[in-house]
Amino acid sequence: MTSSYLIFATFAMAAVTFITRALPSLIPRKLLDTPWLHRLNESLPLSVMVLLILTSLSYQDLSATTALDSAELHLLMAQIGALLLVLLIYHISRQLLVSMIVGIAAINGLLWVLNNFLG
């Protein structure tokens, strides 16, 4: 079941990527120069990145009895903290690569802090 899901997801992502890359050549130039499409184009990479991060959050192993010093809760808190930091850095710099690097560093740093000082 898992391998068929991964194969389907891979082909779906490939199809979406192909369509979004081919679509601008099919749309008239006048429509491509509209301001709302430029704003959408600016926010699309961050939106995709946020959706990918939100779908990968680790909350399945949590319950109402999860202790504050549990590794599962630390991971979720680090992921949420890193996501918020990525959003802030992207809002300030408008650089997707810089935001991703900050996010990777933040999740590792937050995990280290949470594991060393809270658990």
PDB file of N, CA and C in Angstrom:
ATOM      1  N   MET A   1       0.823  -1.205   0.000  1.00  0.00           N
ATOM      2  CA  MET A   1       0.000   0.000   0.000  1.00  0.00           C
ATOM      3  C   MET A   1       0.864   1.264   0.000  1.00  0.00           C
ATOM      4  N   THR A   2       1.913   1.282   0.801  1.00  0.00           N
ATOM      5  CA  THR A   2       2.757   2.459   0.894  1.00  0.00           C
ATOM      6  C   THR A   2       3.515   2.711  -0.399  1.00  0.00           C
ATOM      7  N   SER A   3       4.039   1.653  -1.025  1.00  0.00           N
ATOM      8  CA  SER A   3       4.802   1.855  -2.255  1.00  0.00           C
ATOM      9  C   SER A   3       3.916   2.344  -3.391  1.00  0.00           C
ATOM     10  N   SER A   4       2.684   1.856  -3.474  1.00  0.00           N
ATOM     11  CA  SER A   4       1.784   2.339  -4.529  1.00  0.00           C
ATOM     12  C   SER A   4       1.404   3.801  -4.292  1.00  0.00           C
ATOM     13  N   TYR A   5       1.264   4.180  -3.023  1.00  0.00           N
ATOM     14  CA  TYR A   5       0.973   5.575  -2.695  1.00  0.00           C
ATOM     15  C   TYR A   5       2.140   6.469  -3.112  1.00  0.00           C
ATOM     16  N   LEU A   6       3.369   6.044  -2.820  1.00  0.00           N
ATOM     17  CA  LEU A   6       4.542   6.834  -3.180  1.00  0.00           C
ATOM     18  C   LEU A   6       4.685   6.966  -4.688  1.00  0.00           C
ATOM     19  N   ILE A   7       4.405   5.893  -5.414  1.00  0.00           N
ATOM     20  CA  ILE A   7       4.472   5.938  -6.876  1.00  0.00           C
ATOM     21  C   ILE A   7       3.419   6.904  -7.411  1.00  0.00           C
ATOM     22  N   PHE A   8       2.197   6.811  -6.902  1.00  0.00           N
ATOM     23  CA  PHE A   8       1.123   7.713  -7.328  1.00  0.00           C
ATOM     24  C   PHE A   8       1.475   9.166  -7.001  1.00  0.00           C
ATOM     25  N   ALA A   9       1.988   9.401  -5.792  1.00  0.00           N
ATOM     26  CA  ALA A   9       2.340  10.766  -5.383  1.00  0.00           C
ATOM     27  C   ALA A   9       3.455  11.329  -6.258  1.00  0.00           C
ATOM     28  N   THR A  10       4.416  10.493  -6.608  1.00  0.00           N
ATOM     29  CA  THR A  10       5.517  10.937  -7.466  1.00  0.00           C
ATOM     30  C   THR A  10       5.007  11.329  -8.843  1.00  0.00           C
ATOM     31  N   PHE A  11       4.152  10.499  -9.428  1.00  0.00           N
ATOM     32  CA  PHE A  11       3.602  10.826 -10.745  1.00  0.00           C
ATOM     33  C   PHE A  11       2.683  12.049 -10.681  1.00  0.00           C
ATOM     34  N   ALA A  12       1.932  12.196  -9.594  1.00  0.00           N
ATOM     35  CA  ALA A  12       1.062  13.364  -9.449  1.00  0.00           C
ATOM     36  C   ALA A  12       1.892  14.646  -9.361  1.00  0.00           C
ATOM     37  N   MET A  13       2.982  14.606  -8.581  1.00  0.00           N
ATOM     38  CA  MET A  13       3.852  15.778  -8.482  1.00  0.00           C
ATOM     39  C   MET A  13       4.512  16.078  -9.825  1.00  0.00           C
ATOM     40  N   ALA A  14       4.905  15.042 -10.552  1.00  0.00           N
ATOM     41  CA  ALA A  14       5.509  15.244 -11.876  1.00  0.00           C
ATOM     42  C   ALA A  14       4.505  15.877 -12.833  1.00  0.00           C
ATOM     43  N   ALA A  15       3.260  15.416 -12.788  1.00  0.00           N
ATOM     44  CA  ALA A  15       2.226  15.968 -13.664  1.00  0.00           C
ATOM     45  C   ALA A  15       1.948  17.433 -13.326  1.00  0.00           C
ATOM     46  N   VAL A  16       1.830  17.736 -12.044  1.00  0.00           N
ATOM     47  CA  VAL A  16       1.583  19.121 -11.627  1.00  0.00           C
ATOM     48  C   VAL A  16       2.755  20.015 -12.039  1.00  0.00           C
ATOM     49  N   THR A  17       3.973  19.532 -11.847  1.00  0.00           N
ATOM     50  CA  THR A  17       5.152  20.304 -12.235  1.00  0.00           C
ATOM     51  C   THR A  17       5.172  20.545 -13.739  1.00  0.00           C
ATOM     52  N   PHE A  18       4.894  19.510 -14.513  1.00  0.00           N
ATOM     53  CA  PHE A  18       4.880  19.657 -15.964  1.00  0.00           C
ATOM     54  C   PHE A  18       3.818  20.656 -16.407  1.00  0.00           C
ATOM     55  N   ILE A  19       2.629  20.552 -15.850  1.00  0.00           N
ATOM     56  CA  ILE A  19       1.536  21.454 -16.231  1.00  0.00           C
ATOM     57  C   ILE A  19       1.871  22.896 -15.871  1.00  0.00           C
ATOM     58  N   THR A  20       2.403  23.107 -14.663  1.00  0.00           N
ATOM     59  CA  THR A  20       2.712  24.482 -14.261  1.00  0.00           C
ATOM     60  C   THR A  20       3.878  25.065 -15.047  1.00  0.00           C
ATOM     61  N   ARG A  21       4.785  24.225 -15.518  1.00  0.00           N
ATOM     62  CA  ARG A  21       5.887  24.722 -16.342  1.00  0.00           C
ATOM     63  C   ARG A  21       5.436  24.974 -17.785  1.00  0.00           C
ATOM     64  N   ALA A  22       4.482  24.180 -18.294  1.00  0.00           N
ATOM     65  CA  ALA A  22       4.037  24.321 -19.676  1.00  0.00           C
ATOM     66  C   ALA A  22       2.942  25.373 -19.819  1.00  0.00           C
ATOM     67  N   LEU A  23       2.196  25.621 -18.775  1.00  0.00           N
ATOM     68  CA  LEU A  23       1.050  26.533 -18.848  1.00  0.00           C
ATOM     69  C   LEU A  23       1.404  27.946 -19.320  1.00  0.00           C
ATOM     70  N   PRO A  24       2.494  28.557 -18.850  1.00  0.00           N
ATOM     71  CA  PRO A  24       2.801  29.922 -19.321  1.00  0.00           C
ATOM     72  C   PRO A  24       2.988  30.038 -20.832  1.00  0.00           C
ATOM     73  N   SER A  25       3.419  28.980 -21.484  1.00  0.00           N
ATOM     74  CA  SER A  25       3.590  29.072 -22.938  1.00  0.00           C
ATOM     75  C   SER A  25       2.245  28.971 -23.667  1.00  0.00           C
ATOM     76  N   LEU A  26       1.211  28.522 -22.980  1.00  0.00           N
ATOM     77  CA  LEU A  26      -0.116  28.394 -23.591  1.00  0.00           C
ATOM     78  C   LEU A  26      -1.017  29.595 -23.313  1.00  0.00           C
ATOM     79  N   ILE A  27      -0.671  30.386 -22.302  1.00  0.00           N
ATOM     80  CA  ILE A  27      -1.488  31.534 -21.912  1.00  0.00           C
ATOM     81  C   ILE A  27      -1.029  32.766 -22.690  1.00  0.00           C
ATOM     82  N   PRO A  28      -1.960  33.593 -23.175  1.00  0.00           N
ATOM     83  CA  PRO A  28      -1.577  34.816 -23.895  1.00  0.00           C
ATOM     84  C   PRO A  28      -0.711  35.738 -23.038  1.00  0.00           C
ATOM     85  N   ARG A  29       0.235  36.406 -23.654  1.00  0.00           N
ATOM     86  CA  ARG A  29       1.190  37.281 -22.956  1.00  0.00           C
ATOM     87  C   ARG A  29       0.476  38.387 -22.176  1.00  0.00           C
ATOM     88  N   LYS A  30      -0.632  38.905 -22.721  1.00  0.00           N
ATOM     89  CA  LYS A  30      -1.360  39.979 -22.050  1.00  0.00           C
ATOM     90  C   LYS A  30      -1.861  39.531 -20.679  1.00  0.00           C
ATOM     91  N   LEU A  31      -2.329  38.290 -20.576  1.00  0.00           N
ATOM     92  CA  LEU A  31      -2.818  37.779 -19.299  1.00  0.00           C
ATOM     93  C   LEU A  31      -1.664  37.538 -18.329  1.00  0.00           C
ATOM     94  N   LEU A  32      -0.508  37.150 -18.839  1.00  0.00           N
ATOM     95  CA  LEU A  32       0.649  36.884 -17.976  1.00  0.00           C
ATOM     96  C   LEU A  32       1.190  38.149 -17.321  1.00  0.00           C
ATOM     97  N   ASP A  33       0.901  39.322 -17.889  1.00  0.00           N
ATOM     98  CA  ASP A  33       1.419  40.575 -17.354  1.00  0.00           C
ATOM     99  C   ASP A  33       0.470  41.254 -16.369  1.00  0.00           C
ATOM    100  N   THR A  34      -0.567  40.587 -15.930  1.00  0.00           N
ATOM    101  CA  THR A  34      -1.502  41.194 -14.974  1.00  0.00           C
ATOM    102  C   THR A  34      -0.880  41.223 -13.574  1.00  0.00           C
ATOM    103  N   PRO A  35      -1.184  42.255 -12.792  1.00  0.00           N
ATOM    104  CA  PRO A  35      -0.591  42.393 -11.452  1.00  0.00           C
ATOM    105  C   PRO A  35      -0.941  41.247 -10.497  1.00  0.00           C
ATOM    106  N   TRP A  36      -2.180  40.757 -10.551  1.00  0.00           N
ATOM    107  CA  TRP A  36      -2.560  39.692  -9.625  1.00  0.00           C
ATOM    108  C   TRP A  36      -1.787  38.408  -9.909  1.00  0.00           C
ATOM    109  N   LEU A  37      -1.455  38.161 -11.159  1.00  0.00           N
ATOM    110  CA  LEU A  37      -0.682  36.969 -11.498  1.00  0.00           C
ATOM    111  C   LEU A  37       0.768  37.105 -11.037  1.00  0.00           C
ATOM    112  N   HIS A  38       1.295  38.320 -11.074  1.00  0.00           N
ATOM    113  CA  HIS A  38       2.650  38.558 -10.555  1.00  0.00           C
ATOM    114  C   HIS A  38       2.691  38.348  -9.040  1.00  0.00           C
ATOM    115  N   ARG A  39       1.664  38.822  -8.320  1.00  0.00           N
ATOM    116  CA  ARG A  39       1.604  38.610  -6.872  1.00  0.00           C
ATOM    117  C   ARG A  39       1.475  37.130  -6.545  1.00  0.00           C
ATOM    118  N   LEU A  40       0.667  36.416  -7.317  1.00  0.00           N
ATOM    119  CA  LEU A  40       0.517  34.979  -7.118  1.00  0.00           C
ATOM    120  C   LEU A  40       1.842  34.271  -7.360  1.00  0.00           C
ATOM    121  N   ASN A  41       2.546  34.660  -8.388  1.00  0.00           N
ATOM    122  CA  ASN A  41       3.837  34.062  -8.713  1.00  0.00           C
ATOM    123  C   ASN A  41       4.864  34.297  -7.607  1.00  0.00           C
ATOM    124  N   GLU A  42       4.798  35.451  -6.948  1.00  0.00           N
ATOM    125  CA  GLU A  42       5.721  35.746  -5.859  1.00  0.00           C
ATOM    126  C   GLU A  42       5.443  34.900  -4.623  1.00  0.00           C
ATOM    127  N   SER A  43       4.175  34.624  -4.341  1.00  0.00           N
ATOM    128  CA  SER A  43       3.835  33.907  -3.116  1.00  0.00           C
ATOM    129  C   SER A  43       3.721  32.397  -3.301  1.00  0.00           C
ATOM    130  N   LEU A  44       3.721  31.909  -4.518  1.00  0.00           N
ATOM    131  CA  LEU A  44       3.529  30.489  -4.760  1.00  0.00           C
ATOM    132  C   LEU A  44       4.621  29.599  -4.176  1.00  0.00           C
ATOM    133  N   PRO A  45       5.913  29.909  -4.324  1.00  0.00           N
ATOM    134  CA  PRO A  45       6.916  29.014  -3.736  1.00  0.00           C
ATOM    135  C   PRO A  45       6.789  28.869  -2.223  1.00  0.00           C
ATOM    136  N   LEU A  46       6.534  29.977  -1.540  1.00  0.00           N
ATOM    137  CA  LEU A  46       6.373  29.906  -0.095  1.00  0.00           C
ATOM    138  C   LEU A  46       5.124  29.121   0.271  1.00  0.00           C
ATOM    139  N   SER A  47       4.053  29.302  -0.474  1.00  0.00           N
ATOM    140  CA  SER A  47       2.819  28.561  -0.197  1.00  0.00           C
ATOM    141  C   SER A  47       3.020  27.067  -0.340  1.00  0.00           C
ATOM    142  N   VAL A  48       3.716  26.665  -1.386  1.00  0.00           N
ATOM    143  CA  VAL A  48       3.988  25.237  -1.593  1.00  0.00           C
ATOM    144  C   VAL A  48       4.854  24.698  -0.460  1.00  0.00           C
ATOM    145  N   MET A  49       5.880  25.467  -0.080  1.00  0.00           N
ATOM    146  CA  MET A  49       6.759  25.024   0.991  1.00  0.00           C
ATOM    147  C   MET A  49       6.000  24.894   2.314  1.00  0.00           C
ATOM    148  N   VAL A  50       5.137  25.834   2.628  1.00  0.00           N
ATOM    149  CA  VAL A  50       4.358  25.776   3.865  1.00  0.00           C
ATOM    150  C   VAL A  50       3.419  24.569   3.849  1.00  0.00           C
ATOM    151  N   LEU A  51       2.774  24.318   2.723  1.00  0.00           N
ATOM    152  CA  LEU A  51       1.891  23.149   2.634  1.00  0.00           C
ATOM    153  C   LEU A  51       2.659  21.846   2.819  1.00  0.00           C
ATOM    154  N   LEU A  52       3.833  21.748   2.230  1.00  0.00           N
ATOM    155  CA  LEU A  52       4.643  20.549   2.408  1.00  0.00           C
ATOM    156  C   LEU A  52       5.056  20.368   3.859  1.00  0.00           C
ATOM    157  N   ILE A  53       5.420  21.450   4.515  1.00  0.00           N
ATOM    158  CA  ILE A  53       5.817  21.361   5.921  1.00  0.00           C
ATOM    159  C   ILE A  53       4.625  20.994   6.792  1.00  0.00           C
ATOM    160  N   LEU A  54       3.476  21.607   6.531  1.00  0.00           N
ATOM    161  CA  LEU A  54       2.290  21.308   7.345  1.00  0.00           C
ATOM    162  C   LEU A  54       1.855  19.850   7.208  1.00  0.00           C
ATOM    163  N   THR A  55       2.001  19.285   6.024  1.00  0.00           N
ATOM    164  CA  THR A  55       1.605  17.888   5.855  1.00  0.00           C
ATOM    165  C   THR A  55       2.605  16.928   6.479  1.00  0.00           C
ATOM    166  N   SER A  56       3.807  17.408   6.774  1.00  0.00           N
ATOM    167  CA  SER A  56       4.803  16.519   7.359  1.00  0.00           C
ATOM    168  C   SER A  56       4.943  16.691   8.868  1.00  0.00           C
ATOM    169  N   LEU A  57       4.110  17.509   9.488  1.00  0.00           N
ATOM    170  CA  LEU A  57       4.197  17.686  10.939  1.00  0.00           C
ATOM    171  C   LEU A  57       3.966  16.356  11.656  1.00  0.00           C
ATOM    172  N   SER A  58       4.739  16.124  12.707  1.00  0.00           N
ATOM    173  CA  SER A  58       4.673  14.867  13.457  1.00  0.00           C
ATOM    174  C   SER A  58       3.761  15.022  14.665  1.00  0.00           C
ATOM    175  N   TYR A  59       2.512  14.777  14.477  1.00  0.00           N
ATOM    176  CA  TYR A  59       1.577  14.870  15.590  1.00  0.00           C
ATOM    177  C   TYR A  59       0.811  13.566  15.812  1.00  0.00           C
ATOM    178  N   GLN A  60       1.073  12.540  15.027  1.00  0.00           N
ATOM    179  CA  GLN A  60       0.319  11.287  15.132  1.00  0.00           C
ATOM    180  C   GLN A  60       0.564  10.575  16.457  1.00  0.00           C
ATOM    181  N   ASP A  61       1.773  10.668  17.005  1.00  0.00           N
ATOM    182  CA  ASP A  61       2.102   9.952  18.231  1.00  0.00           C
ATOM    183  C   ASP A  61       1.742  10.718  19.500  1.00  0.00           C
ATOM    184  N   LEU A  62       1.103  11.861  19.350  1.00  0.00           N
ATOM    185  CA  LEU A  62       0.744  12.666  20.518  1.00  0.00           C
ATOM    186  C   LEU A  62      -0.638  12.297  21.029  1.00  0.00           C
ATOM    187  N   SER A  63      -0.801  12.410  22.326  1.00  0.00           N
ATOM    188  CA  SER A  63      -2.110  12.210  22.939  1.00  0.00           C
ATOM    189  C   SER A  63      -2.242  13.194  24.096  1.00  0.00           C
ATOM    190  N   ALA A  64      -3.365  13.143  24.771  1.00  0.00           N
ATOM    191  CA  ALA A  64      -3.588  14.062  25.893  1.00  0.00           C
ATOM    192  C   ALA A  64      -2.654  13.766  27.054  1.00  0.00           C
ATOM    193  N   THR A  65      -2.088  12.576  27.097  1.00  0.00           N
ATOM    194  CA  THR A  65      -1.203  12.198  28.202  1.00  0.00           C
ATOM    195  C   THR A  65       0.277  12.330  27.842  1.00  0.00           C
ATOM    196  N   THR A  66       0.581  12.919  26.701  1.00  0.00           N
ATOM    197  CA  THR A  66       1.978  13.090  26.294  1.00  0.00           C
ATOM    198  C   THR A  66       2.668  14.056  27.249  1.00  0.00           C
ATOM    199  N   ALA A  67       3.802  13.648  27.771  1.00  0.00           N
ATOM    200  CA  ALA A  67       4.545  14.468  28.729  1.00  0.00           C
ATOM    201  C   ALA A  67       5.266  15.614  28.010  1.00  0.00           C
ATOM    202  N   LEU A  68       5.526  16.683  28.755  1.00  0.00           N
ATOM    203  CA  LEU A  68       6.210  17.839  28.176  1.00  0.00           C
ATOM    204  C   LEU A  68       7.649  17.538  27.790  1.00  0.00           C
ATOM    205  N   ASP A  69       8.222  16.487  28.375  1.00  0.00           N
ATOM    206  CA  ASP A  69       9.609  16.164  28.055  1.00  0.00           C
ATOM    207  C   ASP A  69       9.728  15.028  27.040  1.00  0.00           C
ATOM    208  N   SER A  70       8.632  14.724  26.333  1.00  0.00           N
ATOM    209  CA  SER A  70       8.667  13.633  25.360  1.00  0.00           C
ATOM    210  C   SER A  70       9.300  14.103  24.045  1.00  0.00           C
ATOM    211  N   ALA A  71       9.977  13.189  23.382  1.00  0.00           N
ATOM    212  CA  ALA A  71      10.646  13.508  22.120  1.00  0.00           C
ATOM    213  C   ALA A  71       9.637  13.870  21.037  1.00  0.00           C
ATOM    214  N   GLU A  72       8.450  13.249  21.062  1.00  0.00           N
ATOM    215  CA  GLU A  72       7.434  13.540  20.053  1.00  0.00           C
ATOM    216  C   GLU A  72       6.955  14.984  20.139  1.00  0.00           C
ATOM    217  N   LEU A  73       6.715  15.450  21.371  1.00  0.00           N
ATOM    218  CA  LEU A  73       6.265  16.832  21.561  1.00  0.00           C
ATOM    219  C   LEU A  73       7.372  17.820  21.199  1.00  0.00           C
ATOM    220  N   HIS A  74       8.608  17.477  21.544  1.00  0.00           N
ATOM    221  CA  HIS A  74       9.735  18.349  21.177  1.00  0.00           C
ATOM    222  C   HIS A  74       9.851  18.483  19.668  1.00  0.00           C
ATOM    223  N   LEU A  75       9.677  17.376  18.948  1.00  0.00           N
ATOM    224  CA  LEU A  75       9.756  17.415  17.487  1.00  0.00           C
ATOM    225  C   LEU A  75       8.665  18.310  16.909  1.00  0.00           C
ATOM    226  N   LEU A  76       7.441  18.166  17.392  1.00  0.00           N
ATOM    227  CA  LEU A  76       6.341  18.994  16.891  1.00  0.00           C
ATOM    228  C   LEU A  76       6.584  20.473  17.197  1.00  0.00           C
ATOM    229  N   MET A  77       7.037  20.768  18.403  1.00  0.00           N
ATOM    230  CA  MET A  77       7.298  22.164  18.769  1.00  0.00           C
ATOM    231  C   MET A  77       8.431  22.744  17.915  1.00  0.00           C
ATOM    232  N   ALA A  78       9.463  21.954  17.641  1.00  0.00           N
ATOM    233  CA  ALA A  78      10.561  22.421  16.803  1.00  0.00           C
ATOM    234  C   ALA A  78      10.088  22.651  15.372  1.00  0.00           C
ATOM    235  N   GLN A  79       9.234  21.772  14.871  1.00  0.00           N
ATOM    236  CA  GLN A  79       8.721  21.940  13.515  1.00  0.00           C
ATOM    237  C   GLN A  79       7.869  23.193  13.394  1.00  0.00           C
ATOM    238  N   ILE A  80       7.008  23.434  14.357  1.00  0.00           N
ATOM    239  CA  ILE A  80       6.154  24.629  14.325  1.00  0.00           C
ATOM    240  C   ILE A  80       7.004  25.892  14.477  1.00  0.00           C
ATOM    241  N   GLY A  81       7.971  25.867  15.379  1.00  0.00           N
ATOM    242  CA  GLY A  81       8.865  27.017  15.554  1.00  0.00           C
ATOM    243  C   GLY A  81       9.662  27.315  14.296  1.00  0.00           C
ATOM    244  N   ALA A  82      10.183  26.267  13.660  1.00  0.00           N
ATOM    245  CA  ALA A  82      10.949  26.460  12.422  1.00  0.00           C
ATOM    246  C   ALA A  82      10.056  27.008  11.313  1.00  0.00           C
ATOM    247  N   LEU A  83       8.821  26.515  11.223  1.00  0.00           N
ATOM    248  CA  LEU A  83       7.890  27.012  10.212  1.00  0.00           C
ATOM    249  C   LEU A  83       7.594  28.492  10.417  1.00  0.00           C
ATOM    250  N   LEU A  84       7.360  28.895  11.648  1.00  0.00           N
ATOM    251  CA  LEU A  84       7.104  30.308  11.922  1.00  0.00           C
ATOM    252  C   LEU A  84       8.316  31.173  11.593  1.00  0.00           C
ATOM    253  N   LEU A  85       9.505  30.661  11.899  1.00  0.00           N
ATOM    254  CA  LEU A  85      10.712  31.406  11.575  1.00  0.00           C
ATOM    255  C   LEU A  85      10.923  31.513  10.066  1.00  0.00           C
ATOM    256  N   VAL A  86      10.624  30.446   9.338  1.00  0.00           N
ATOM    257  CA  VAL A  86      10.728  30.478   7.874  1.00  0.00           C
ATOM    258  C   VAL A  86       9.778  31.526   7.306  1.00  0.00           C
ATOM    259  N   LEU A  87       8.551  31.561   7.801  1.00  0.00           N
ATOM    260  CA  LEU A  87       7.585  32.556   7.324  1.00  0.00           C
ATOM    261  C   LEU A  87       8.065  33.978   7.604  1.00  0.00           C
ATOM    262  N   LEU A  88       8.612  34.195   8.782  1.00  0.00           N
ATOM    263  CA  LEU A  88       9.111  35.522   9.140  1.00  0.00           C
ATOM    264  C   LEU A  88      10.293  35.928   8.263  1.00  0.00           C
ATOM    265  N   ILE A  89      11.245  35.033   8.084  1.00  0.00           N
ATOM    266  CA  ILE A  89      12.421  35.345   7.280  1.00  0.00           C
ATOM    267  C   ILE A  89      12.025  35.582   5.821  1.00  0.00           C
ATOM    268  N   TYR A  90      11.099  34.779   5.303  1.00  0.00           N
ATOM    269  CA  TYR A  90      10.666  34.995   3.920  1.00  0.00           C
ATOM    270  C   TYR A  90       9.947  36.335   3.778  1.00  0.00           C
ATOM    271  N   HIS A  91       9.137  36.680   4.778  1.00  0.00           N
ATOM    272  CA  HIS A  91       8.425  37.960   4.739  1.00  0.00           C
ATOM    273  C   HIS A  91       9.410  39.127   4.733  1.00  0.00           C
ATOM    274  N   ILE A  92      10.510  38.982   5.465  1.00  0.00           N
ATOM    275  CA  ILE A  92      11.505  40.053   5.544  1.00  0.00           C
ATOM    276  C   ILE A  92      12.389  40.084   4.301  1.00  0.00           C
ATOM    277  N   SER A  93      12.895  38.913   3.876  1.00  0.00           N
ATOM    278  CA  SER A  93      13.915  38.903   2.826  1.00  0.00           C
ATOM    279  C   SER A  93      13.395  38.592   1.428  1.00  0.00           C
ATOM    280  N   ARG A  94      12.246  37.912   1.318  1.00  0.00           N
ATOM    281  CA  ARG A  94      11.699  37.463   0.024  1.00  0.00           C
ATOM    282  C   ARG A  94      12.674  36.540  -0.709  1.00  0.00           C
ATOM    283  N   GLN A  95      13.509  35.846   0.034  1.00  0.00           N
ATOM    284  CA  GLN A  95      14.466  34.905  -0.531  1.00  0.00           C
ATOM    285  C   GLN A  95      14.104  33.501  -0.056  1.00  0.00           C
ATOM    286  N   LEU A  96      13.625  32.667  -0.969  1.00  0.00           N
ATOM    287  CA  LEU A  96      13.178  31.327  -0.609  1.00  0.00           C
ATOM    288  C   LEU A  96      14.336  30.469  -0.120  1.00  0.00           C
ATOM    289  N   LEU A  97      15.480  30.540  -0.777  1.00  0.00           N
ATOM    290  CA  LEU A  97      16.625  29.722  -0.379  1.00  0.00           C
ATOM    291  C   LEU A  97      17.101  30.094   1.021  1.00  0.00           C
ATOM    292  N   VAL A  98      17.176  31.380   1.303  1.00  0.00           N
ATOM    293  CA  VAL A  98      17.583  31.833   2.637  1.00  0.00           C
ATOM    294  C   VAL A  98      16.586  31.324   3.674  1.00  0.00           C
ATOM    295  N   SER A  99      15.298  31.387   3.371  1.00  0.00           N
ATOM    296  CA  SER A  99      14.272  30.917   4.291  1.00  0.00           C
ATOM    297  C   SER A  99      14.399  29.423   4.554  1.00  0.00           C
ATOM    298  N   MET A 100      14.700  28.657   3.517  1.00  0.00           N
ATOM    299  CA  MET A 100      14.848  27.211   3.685  1.00  0.00           C
ATOM    300  C   MET A 100      16.073  26.884   4.543  1.00  0.00           C
ATOM    301  N   ILE A 101      17.172  27.587   4.319  1.00  0.00           N
ATOM    302  CA  ILE A 101      18.373  27.355   5.122  1.00  0.00           C
ATOM    303  C   ILE A 101      18.118  27.710   6.582  1.00  0.00           C
ATOM    304  N   VAL A 102      17.450  28.822   6.817  1.00  0.00           N
ATOM    305  CA  VAL A 102      17.098  29.216   8.186  1.00  0.00           C
ATOM    306  C   VAL A 102      16.175  28.171   8.809  1.00  0.00           C
ATOM    307  N   GLY A 103      15.224  27.649   8.037  1.00  0.00           N
ATOM    308  CA  GLY A 103      14.314  26.638   8.558  1.00  0.00           C
ATOM    309  C   GLY A 103      15.028  25.358   8.956  1.00  0.00           C
ATOM    310  N   ILE A 104      15.962  24.913   8.134  1.00  0.00           N
ATOM    311  CA  ILE A 104      16.718  23.699   8.454  1.00  0.00           C
ATOM    312  C   ILE A 104      17.570  23.923   9.705  1.00  0.00           C
ATOM    313  N   ALA A 105      18.231  25.075   9.766  1.00  0.00           N
ATOM    314  CA  ALA A 105      19.032  25.373  10.947  1.00  0.00           C
ATOM    315  C   ALA A 105      18.146  25.516  12.183  1.00  0.00           C
ATOM    316  N   ALA A 106      16.981  26.124  12.016  1.00  0.00           N
ATOM    317  CA  ALA A 106      16.087  26.360  13.153  1.00  0.00           C
ATOM    318  C   ALA A 106      15.536  25.055  13.712  1.00  0.00           C
ATOM    319  N   ILE A 107      15.128  24.147  12.848  1.00  0.00           N
ATOM    320  CA  ILE A 107      14.564  22.899  13.373  1.00  0.00           C
ATOM    321  C   ILE A 107      15.623  22.108  14.129  1.00  0.00           C
ATOM    322  N   ASN A 108      16.845  22.092  13.618  1.00  0.00           N
ATOM    323  CA  ASN A 108      17.917  21.394  14.323  1.00  0.00           C
ATOM    324  C   ASN A 108      18.287  22.102  15.622  1.00  0.00           C
ATOM    325  N   GLY A 109      18.368  23.424  15.578  1.00  0.00           N
ATOM    326  CA  GLY A 109      18.680  24.184  16.789  1.00  0.00           C
ATOM    327  C   GLY A 109      17.596  24.064  17.843  1.00  0.00           C
ATOM    328  N   LEU A 110      16.346  24.152  17.422  1.00  0.00           N
ATOM    329  CA  LEU A 110      15.248  24.028  18.377  1.00  0.00           C
ATOM    330  C   LEU A 110      15.185  22.629  18.981  1.00  0.00           C
ATOM    331  N   LEU A 111      15.417  21.613  18.162  1.00  0.00           N
ATOM    332  CA  LEU A 111      15.445  20.247  18.706  1.00  0.00           C
ATOM    333  C   LEU A 111      16.554  20.099  19.731  1.00  0.00           C
ATOM    334  N   TRP A 112      17.713  20.677  19.454  1.00  0.00           N
ATOM    335  CA  TRP A 112      18.825  20.598  20.395  1.00  0.00           C
ATOM    336  C   TRP A 112      18.474  21.291  21.710  1.00  0.00           C
ATOM    337  N   VAL A 113      17.907  22.505  21.603  1.00  0.00           N
ATOM    338  CA  VAL A 113      17.536  23.255  22.802  1.00  0.00           C
ATOM    339  C   VAL A 113      16.468  22.508  23.601  1.00  0.00           C
ATOM    340  N   LEU A 114      15.434  22.033  22.919  1.00  0.00           N
ATOM    341  CA  LEU A 114      14.355  21.348  23.625  1.00  0.00           C
ATOM    342  C   LEU A 114      14.828  20.044  24.270  1.00  0.00           C
ATOM    343  N   ASN A 115      15.662  19.290  23.597  1.00  0.00           N
ATOM    344  CA  ASN A 115      16.135  18.031  24.159  1.00  0.00           C
ATOM    345  C   ASN A 115      17.140  18.223  25.285  1.00  0.00           C
ATOM    346  N   ASN A 116      17.940  19.288  25.216  1.00  0.00           N
ATOM    347  CA  ASN A 116      18.950  19.509  26.255  1.00  0.00           C
ATOM    348  C   ASN A 116      18.433  20.269  27.473  1.00  0.00           C
ATOM    349  N   PHE A 117      17.423  21.110  27.299  1.00  0.00           N
ATOM    350  CA  PHE A 117      16.977  21.910  28.410  1.00  0.00           C
ATOM    351  C   PHE A 117      15.598  21.520  28.947  1.00  0.00           C
ATOM    352  N   LEU A 118      14.802  20.824  28.165  1.00  0.00           N
ATOM    353  CA  LEU A 118      13.488  20.404  28.656  1.00  0.00           C
ATOM    354  C   LEU A 118      13.392  18.899  28.836  1.00  0.00           C
ATOM    355  N   GLY A 119      14.335  18.168  28.376  1.00  0.00           N
ATOM    356  CA  GLY A 119      14.179  16.723  28.491  1.00  0.00           C
ATOM    357  C   GLY A 119      15.460  16.045  28.565  1.00  0.00           C
TER     358      GLY A 119
END
